[in-house]
N, C-alpha and C. Protein backbone atom coordinates (compact mmCIF):
# COMPACT_ATOMS: atom_id res chain seq x y z
N MET A 1 39.07 39.25 33.39
CA MET A 1 38.93 37.84 33.59
C MET A 1 40.26 37.29 34.06
N THR A 2 40.24 36.38 34.98
CA THR A 2 41.44 35.76 35.50
C THR A 2 41.37 34.26 35.23
N THR A 3 42.43 33.71 34.67
CA THR A 3 42.49 32.28 34.39
C THR A 3 43.81 31.73 34.90
N GLN A 4 43.90 30.43 34.99
CA GLN A 4 45.13 29.78 35.38
C GLN A 4 45.93 29.46 34.13
N ASN A 5 47.21 29.79 34.13
CA ASN A 5 48.03 29.37 33.00
C ASN A 5 48.68 28.04 33.32
N SER A 6 49.43 27.50 32.40
CA SER A 6 49.99 26.16 32.58
C SER A 6 51.06 26.09 33.65
N PHE A 7 51.56 27.24 34.09
CA PHE A 7 52.56 27.26 35.15
C PHE A 7 51.92 27.47 36.52
N GLY A 8 50.58 27.47 36.59
CA GLY A 8 49.89 27.60 37.87
C GLY A 8 49.66 29.03 38.30
N GLY A 9 50.14 30.01 37.55
CA GLY A 9 49.95 31.41 37.91
C GLY A 9 48.72 31.99 37.25
N GLU A 10 48.29 33.12 37.74
CA GLU A 10 47.13 33.77 37.15
C GLU A 10 47.58 34.65 35.99
N CYS A 11 46.74 34.71 34.97
CA CYS A 11 47.02 35.53 33.81
C CYS A 11 45.87 36.48 33.59
N ARG A 12 46.17 37.75 33.60
CA ARG A 12 45.14 38.75 33.34
C ARG A 12 45.63 39.66 32.23
N CYS A 13 45.42 39.25 31.01
CA CYS A 13 45.84 40.03 29.85
C CYS A 13 44.60 40.49 29.13
N ASN A 14 44.03 41.56 29.56
CA ASN A 14 42.81 42.04 28.93
C ASN A 14 43.09 43.31 28.16
N ASP A 15 42.63 43.33 26.91
CA ASP A 15 42.70 44.59 26.21
C ASP A 15 41.43 45.37 26.52
N ARG A 16 41.32 46.54 25.99
CA ARG A 16 40.19 47.40 26.33
C ARG A 16 38.86 46.89 25.78
N ASN A 17 38.92 45.95 24.86
CA ASN A 17 37.70 45.38 24.32
C ASN A 17 37.18 44.24 25.19
N GLY A 18 37.93 43.89 26.22
CA GLY A 18 37.50 42.85 27.13
C GLY A 18 37.91 41.45 26.71
N SER A 19 38.62 41.30 25.60
CA SER A 19 39.04 39.97 25.19
C SER A 19 40.33 39.61 25.93
N ARG A 20 40.46 38.35 26.28
CA ARG A 20 41.61 37.89 27.04
C ARG A 20 42.75 37.54 26.11
N GLY A 21 43.93 37.94 26.48
CA GLY A 21 45.12 37.63 25.70
C GLY A 21 45.62 36.24 26.01
N PRO A 22 46.80 35.90 25.55
CA PRO A 22 47.31 34.54 25.71
C PRO A 22 47.79 34.28 27.14
N ASP A 23 47.74 33.02 27.55
CA ASP A 23 48.30 32.64 28.84
C ASP A 23 49.81 32.54 28.75
N ILE A 24 50.30 32.10 27.61
CA ILE A 24 51.74 31.98 27.38
C ILE A 24 52.07 32.65 26.04
N ILE A 25 53.09 33.48 26.04
CA ILE A 25 53.56 34.12 24.82
C ILE A 25 54.93 33.53 24.50
N TYR A 26 55.03 32.91 23.33
CA TYR A 26 56.30 32.35 22.87
C TYR A 26 56.93 33.34 21.90
N VAL A 27 58.09 33.87 22.27
CA VAL A 27 58.76 34.90 21.46
C VAL A 27 59.56 34.22 20.35
N PRO A 28 59.39 34.70 19.12
CA PRO A 28 60.17 34.14 18.00
C PRO A 28 61.66 34.43 18.16
N SER A 29 62.46 33.73 17.40
CA SER A 29 63.91 33.93 17.45
C SER A 29 64.29 35.30 16.91
N PRO A 30 65.46 35.81 17.32
CA PRO A 30 65.92 37.10 16.80
C PRO A 30 66.03 37.10 15.27
N ALA A 31 66.41 35.98 14.69
CA ALA A 31 66.54 35.91 13.23
C ALA A 31 65.19 36.17 12.56
N ILE A 32 64.13 35.62 13.10
CA ILE A 32 62.79 35.83 12.54
C ILE A 32 62.35 37.27 12.76
N LEU A 33 62.60 37.80 13.96
CA LEU A 33 62.18 39.17 14.27
C LEU A 33 62.95 40.20 13.44
N ARG A 34 64.14 39.85 12.97
CA ARG A 34 64.95 40.78 12.15
C ARG A 34 64.62 40.73 10.67
N GLU A 35 63.80 39.78 10.26
CA GLU A 35 63.43 39.67 8.85
C GLU A 35 62.67 40.91 8.41
N ALA A 36 62.92 41.34 7.19
CA ALA A 36 62.27 42.54 6.65
C ALA A 36 60.75 42.39 6.65
N PHE A 37 60.26 41.21 6.25
CA PHE A 37 58.80 41.04 6.21
C PHE A 37 58.19 41.08 7.60
N THR A 38 58.91 40.58 8.61
CA THR A 38 58.40 40.60 9.98
C THR A 38 58.28 42.04 10.47
N ILE A 39 59.32 42.83 10.24
CA ILE A 39 59.31 44.23 10.68
C ILE A 39 58.21 45.00 9.95
N PHE A 40 58.08 44.77 8.66
CA PHE A 40 57.04 45.45 7.89
C PHE A 40 55.65 45.05 8.38
N ASN A 41 55.43 43.73 8.58
CA ASN A 41 54.14 43.26 9.08
C ASN A 41 53.84 43.79 10.47
N LEU A 42 54.86 43.90 11.31
CA LEU A 42 54.67 44.45 12.65
C LEU A 42 54.23 45.91 12.57
N ALA A 43 54.85 46.66 11.70
CA ALA A 43 54.45 48.07 11.51
C ALA A 43 53.02 48.17 11.00
N ILE A 44 52.63 47.27 10.11
CA ILE A 44 51.25 47.26 9.60
C ILE A 44 50.26 46.99 10.73
N GLU A 45 50.56 46.02 11.57
CA GLU A 45 49.66 45.69 12.68
C GLU A 45 49.56 46.85 13.67
N TYR A 46 50.66 47.54 13.92
CA TYR A 46 50.61 48.71 14.80
C TYR A 46 49.79 49.82 14.16
N ALA A 47 49.82 49.94 12.84
CA ALA A 47 49.03 50.97 12.16
C ALA A 47 47.54 50.67 12.27
N ARG A 48 47.17 49.41 12.45
CA ARG A 48 45.76 49.02 12.56
C ARG A 48 45.18 49.26 13.95
N ILE A 49 46.02 49.47 14.93
CA ILE A 49 45.52 49.65 16.31
C ILE A 49 44.76 50.96 16.41
N GLN A 50 43.59 50.88 17.01
CA GLN A 50 42.76 52.07 17.21
C GLN A 50 42.54 52.29 18.70
N PRO A 51 42.58 53.48 19.21
CA PRO A 51 42.96 54.69 18.50
C PRO A 51 44.43 54.63 18.08
N ARG A 52 44.73 55.37 17.03
CA ARG A 52 46.07 55.38 16.44
C ARG A 52 47.12 55.73 17.49
N ILE A 53 48.26 55.07 17.41
CA ILE A 53 49.36 55.33 18.32
C ILE A 53 50.31 56.32 17.65
N SER A 54 50.54 57.45 18.29
CA SER A 54 51.48 58.42 17.75
C SER A 54 52.90 58.00 18.09
N ARG A 55 53.86 58.57 17.39
CA ARG A 55 55.26 58.22 17.66
C ARG A 55 55.67 58.59 19.07
N ARG A 56 55.11 59.65 19.60
CA ARG A 56 55.46 60.07 20.96
C ARG A 56 54.77 59.22 22.03
N ARG A 57 53.72 58.51 21.67
CA ARG A 57 52.99 57.67 22.62
C ARG A 57 53.35 56.19 22.51
N LEU A 58 54.17 55.83 21.54
CA LEU A 58 54.49 54.42 21.31
C LEU A 58 55.10 53.77 22.55
N VAL A 59 56.07 54.40 23.16
CA VAL A 59 56.73 53.82 24.33
C VAL A 59 55.73 53.66 25.48
N ASP A 60 54.88 54.64 25.68
CA ASP A 60 53.86 54.53 26.73
C ASP A 60 52.90 53.38 26.45
N TRP A 61 52.51 53.23 25.19
CA TRP A 61 51.59 52.15 24.81
C TRP A 61 52.23 50.79 25.09
N VAL A 62 53.49 50.64 24.68
CA VAL A 62 54.21 49.38 24.91
C VAL A 62 54.33 49.14 26.41
N TYR A 63 54.71 50.15 27.17
CA TYR A 63 54.86 50.02 28.61
C TYR A 63 53.55 49.57 29.26
N ASP A 64 52.44 50.19 28.87
CA ASP A 64 51.14 49.82 29.42
C ASP A 64 50.80 48.37 29.15
N ARG A 65 51.10 47.86 27.96
CA ARG A 65 50.80 46.46 27.63
C ARG A 65 51.72 45.51 28.39
N ILE A 66 52.97 45.89 28.52
CA ILE A 66 53.94 45.03 29.22
C ILE A 66 53.59 44.93 30.70
N ILE A 67 53.31 46.07 31.33
CA ILE A 67 53.00 46.09 32.76
C ILE A 67 51.63 45.49 33.05
N GLY A 68 50.67 45.70 32.15
CA GLY A 68 49.31 45.24 32.37
C GLY A 68 49.08 43.77 32.11
N CYS A 69 50.04 43.10 31.52
CA CYS A 69 49.86 41.69 31.15
C CYS A 69 50.71 40.80 32.05
N GLU A 70 50.07 39.80 32.59
CA GLU A 70 50.79 38.86 33.45
C GLU A 70 50.97 37.51 32.80
N ALA A 71 50.96 37.49 31.48
CA ALA A 71 51.19 36.23 30.77
C ALA A 71 52.61 35.75 31.02
N VAL A 72 52.80 34.48 30.90
CA VAL A 72 54.14 33.91 30.95
C VAL A 72 54.74 34.11 29.57
N VAL A 73 55.90 34.76 29.52
CA VAL A 73 56.57 35.03 28.24
C VAL A 73 57.82 34.17 28.18
N ILE A 74 57.88 33.34 27.14
CA ILE A 74 58.99 32.42 26.97
C ILE A 74 59.82 32.87 25.77
N ASP A 75 61.10 33.11 26.00
CA ASP A 75 62.01 33.51 24.93
C ASP A 75 62.27 32.33 24.00
N HIS A 76 62.88 32.60 22.86
CA HIS A 76 63.16 31.56 21.88
C HIS A 76 64.07 30.47 22.44
N ASP A 77 64.81 30.78 23.50
CA ASP A 77 65.69 29.80 24.14
C ASP A 77 64.97 28.96 25.19
N GLY A 78 63.68 29.23 25.41
CA GLY A 78 62.92 28.50 26.42
C GLY A 78 63.02 29.11 27.81
N ILE A 79 63.58 30.30 27.91
CA ILE A 79 63.76 30.97 29.19
C ILE A 79 62.63 31.97 29.41
N GLU A 80 62.05 31.95 30.60
CA GLU A 80 60.96 32.87 30.92
C GLU A 80 61.48 34.30 31.06
N ILE A 81 60.77 35.25 30.47
CA ILE A 81 61.10 36.67 30.58
C ILE A 81 60.17 37.27 31.62
N ASP A 82 60.73 37.89 32.64
CA ASP A 82 59.94 38.57 33.66
C ASP A 82 59.60 39.96 33.14
N LEU A 83 58.36 40.14 32.69
CA LEU A 83 57.95 41.41 32.10
C LEU A 83 58.08 42.58 33.06
N LEU A 84 57.94 42.33 34.34
CA LEU A 84 58.04 43.42 35.31
C LEU A 84 59.47 43.94 35.46
N ARG A 85 60.43 43.16 34.99
CA ARG A 85 61.83 43.59 35.07
C ARG A 85 62.36 44.17 33.77
N VAL A 86 61.53 44.19 32.75
CA VAL A 86 61.95 44.74 31.46
C VAL A 86 62.03 46.26 31.58
N ASP A 87 63.17 46.81 31.20
CA ASP A 87 63.39 48.25 31.26
C ASP A 87 62.99 48.88 29.93
N VAL A 88 61.68 49.15 29.79
CA VAL A 88 61.15 49.71 28.55
C VAL A 88 61.82 51.04 28.23
N ASP A 89 61.95 51.91 29.23
CA ASP A 89 62.58 53.21 28.99
C ASP A 89 64.05 53.05 28.59
N GLY A 90 64.72 52.07 29.15
CA GLY A 90 66.11 51.82 28.78
C GLY A 90 66.25 51.35 27.35
N ILE A 91 65.31 50.53 26.91
CA ILE A 91 65.37 50.01 25.54
C ILE A 91 65.06 51.10 24.52
N PHE A 92 64.12 51.96 24.85
CA PHE A 92 63.75 53.05 23.93
C PHE A 92 64.39 54.38 24.31
N GLY A 93 65.23 54.39 25.36
CA GLY A 93 65.71 55.60 25.99
C GLY A 93 66.43 56.62 25.15
N ASP A 94 67.16 56.21 24.12
CA ASP A 94 67.93 57.18 23.36
C ASP A 94 67.16 57.77 22.17
N ASP A 95 65.88 57.49 22.09
CA ASP A 95 65.05 58.01 21.00
C ASP A 95 64.26 59.21 21.53
N TYR A 96 64.99 60.25 21.96
CA TYR A 96 64.38 61.40 22.62
C TYR A 96 63.36 62.13 21.75
N SER A 97 63.63 62.22 20.48
CA SER A 97 62.70 62.93 19.60
C SER A 97 61.64 62.00 19.03
N ALA A 98 61.69 60.72 19.40
CA ALA A 98 60.76 59.69 18.91
C ALA A 98 60.86 59.53 17.39
N SER A 99 62.02 59.84 16.83
CA SER A 99 62.19 59.71 15.38
C SER A 99 62.22 58.24 14.96
N TRP A 100 62.89 57.38 15.76
CA TRP A 100 62.89 55.95 15.43
C TRP A 100 61.48 55.41 15.51
N ALA A 101 60.73 55.79 16.53
CA ALA A 101 59.35 55.34 16.67
C ALA A 101 58.52 55.79 15.47
N GLY A 102 58.73 57.01 15.02
CA GLY A 102 58.03 57.50 13.84
C GLY A 102 58.40 56.73 12.59
N ASP A 103 59.69 56.41 12.45
CA ASP A 103 60.13 55.60 11.31
C ASP A 103 59.50 54.20 11.36
N PHE A 104 59.47 53.61 12.56
CA PHE A 104 58.85 52.28 12.70
C PHE A 104 57.37 52.33 12.33
N LEU A 105 56.64 53.25 12.91
CA LEU A 105 55.20 53.34 12.64
C LEU A 105 54.92 53.67 11.18
N GLY A 106 55.84 54.34 10.53
CA GLY A 106 55.69 54.65 9.11
C GLY A 106 56.22 53.57 8.19
N GLY A 107 56.70 52.46 8.76
CA GLY A 107 57.23 51.37 7.95
C GLY A 107 58.58 51.66 7.33
N ARG A 108 59.35 52.55 7.96
CA ARG A 108 60.63 52.97 7.37
C ARG A 108 61.85 52.44 8.12
N VAL A 109 61.70 51.45 9.00
CA VAL A 109 62.85 50.88 9.71
C VAL A 109 63.56 49.93 8.76
N ARG A 110 64.85 50.09 8.63
CA ARG A 110 65.64 49.28 7.70
C ARG A 110 66.24 48.07 8.42
N PRO A 111 66.04 46.86 7.89
CA PRO A 111 66.58 45.65 8.52
C PRO A 111 68.09 45.69 8.68
N ARG A 112 68.82 46.30 7.75
CA ARG A 112 70.29 46.33 7.87
C ARG A 112 70.74 47.06 9.12
N ARG A 113 69.94 48.01 9.57
CA ARG A 113 70.27 48.74 10.79
C ARG A 113 70.04 47.87 12.03
N LEU A 114 69.14 46.90 11.91
CA LEU A 114 68.87 46.01 13.04
C LEU A 114 70.07 45.14 13.35
N ALA A 115 70.72 44.64 12.32
CA ALA A 115 71.86 43.76 12.54
C ALA A 115 73.00 44.48 13.23
N ALA A 116 73.09 45.78 13.04
CA ALA A 116 74.19 46.56 13.61
C ALA A 116 73.92 46.96 15.05
N SER A 117 72.70 46.89 15.50
CA SER A 117 72.39 47.40 16.83
C SER A 117 71.53 46.44 17.64
N PRO A 118 72.10 45.87 18.70
CA PRO A 118 71.31 45.01 19.57
C PRO A 118 70.15 45.77 20.24
N LYS A 119 70.32 47.06 20.45
CA LYS A 119 69.25 47.85 21.07
C LYS A 119 68.03 47.93 20.16
N ILE A 120 68.25 48.08 18.86
CA ILE A 120 67.14 48.14 17.91
C ILE A 120 66.44 46.78 17.86
N ALA A 121 67.22 45.70 17.85
CA ALA A 121 66.63 44.36 17.86
C ALA A 121 65.80 44.16 19.13
N ALA A 122 66.26 44.68 20.26
CA ALA A 122 65.50 44.58 21.52
C ALA A 122 64.19 45.35 21.42
N ARG A 123 64.20 46.48 20.72
CA ARG A 123 62.96 47.26 20.53
C ARG A 123 61.95 46.45 19.74
N ILE A 124 62.40 45.82 18.64
CA ILE A 124 61.49 45.03 17.81
C ILE A 124 60.91 43.88 18.64
N LYS A 125 61.75 43.23 19.42
CA LYS A 125 61.29 42.13 20.28
C LYS A 125 60.23 42.62 21.26
N LEU A 126 60.48 43.74 21.90
CA LEU A 126 59.54 44.29 22.86
C LEU A 126 58.24 44.73 22.19
N LEU A 127 58.33 45.31 21.00
CA LEU A 127 57.13 45.69 20.24
C LEU A 127 56.30 44.46 19.91
N TRP A 128 56.95 43.36 19.56
CA TRP A 128 56.21 42.14 19.23
C TRP A 128 55.54 41.58 20.49
N ILE A 129 56.24 41.56 21.62
CA ILE A 129 55.66 41.06 22.86
C ILE A 129 54.45 41.90 23.26
N ALA A 130 54.57 43.22 23.16
CA ALA A 130 53.44 44.10 23.52
C ALA A 130 52.24 43.83 22.61
N LEU A 131 52.50 43.63 21.32
CA LEU A 131 51.41 43.32 20.39
C LEU A 131 50.79 41.97 20.74
N ALA A 132 51.60 40.99 21.09
CA ALA A 132 51.09 39.67 21.47
C ALA A 132 50.22 39.75 22.72
N ALA A 133 50.60 40.61 23.65
CA ALA A 133 49.79 40.79 24.86
C ALA A 133 48.48 41.50 24.53
N HIS A 134 48.52 42.41 23.58
CA HIS A 134 47.33 43.19 23.19
C HIS A 134 46.39 42.41 22.28
N ASP A 135 46.96 41.76 21.28
CA ASP A 135 46.15 41.06 20.27
C ASP A 135 46.96 39.86 19.75
N PRO A 136 46.78 38.69 20.36
CA PRO A 136 47.56 37.51 19.97
C PRO A 136 47.42 37.15 18.49
N ALA A 137 46.24 37.31 17.92
CA ALA A 137 46.05 36.98 16.51
C ALA A 137 46.87 37.90 15.61
N ALA A 138 46.94 39.17 15.96
CA ALA A 138 47.74 40.12 15.19
C ALA A 138 49.22 39.78 15.27
N ALA A 139 49.68 39.42 16.46
CA ALA A 139 51.09 39.06 16.63
C ALA A 139 51.42 37.81 15.82
N LYS A 140 50.51 36.86 15.79
CA LYS A 140 50.73 35.65 15.00
C LYS A 140 50.78 35.98 13.51
N SER A 141 49.91 36.88 13.05
CA SER A 141 49.88 37.22 11.64
C SER A 141 51.14 37.95 11.18
N VAL A 142 51.82 38.60 12.11
CA VAL A 142 53.10 39.28 11.78
C VAL A 142 54.12 38.27 11.28
N LEU A 143 54.05 37.05 11.79
CA LEU A 143 55.05 36.03 11.47
C LEU A 143 54.71 35.22 10.24
N ASN A 144 53.51 35.39 9.70
CA ASN A 144 53.08 34.59 8.53
C ASN A 144 53.31 35.34 7.25
């Protein structure tokens, strides 16, 4: 399904169930995304996705959602993020064994490690955006 978003562009964010995603995705602030409950809730929502996402497929799943969604994504600063320019491999690039992805999916990512690494914070942000493109209600529930 194709609809007009508020910026006049077309938005085609369809998941495999045929439901349309949001026209505009508003990304929460880094402080909210770094909260322990947010990270834990995000891991829970990823665990609910069927078919299950393995640690080795997580980056591919995120990439598919980012590339497949043409929603307007607005950062917490009010700046539009061009999803087609996001370097998913660069953000997840140093996780060759997918151990961080496995820790995330298992709910074992520690918030104290997020504060020390901007790259890890970027991963959480990208994971939230991909979830919002896939299932807006799930992404919203992560923040509650």
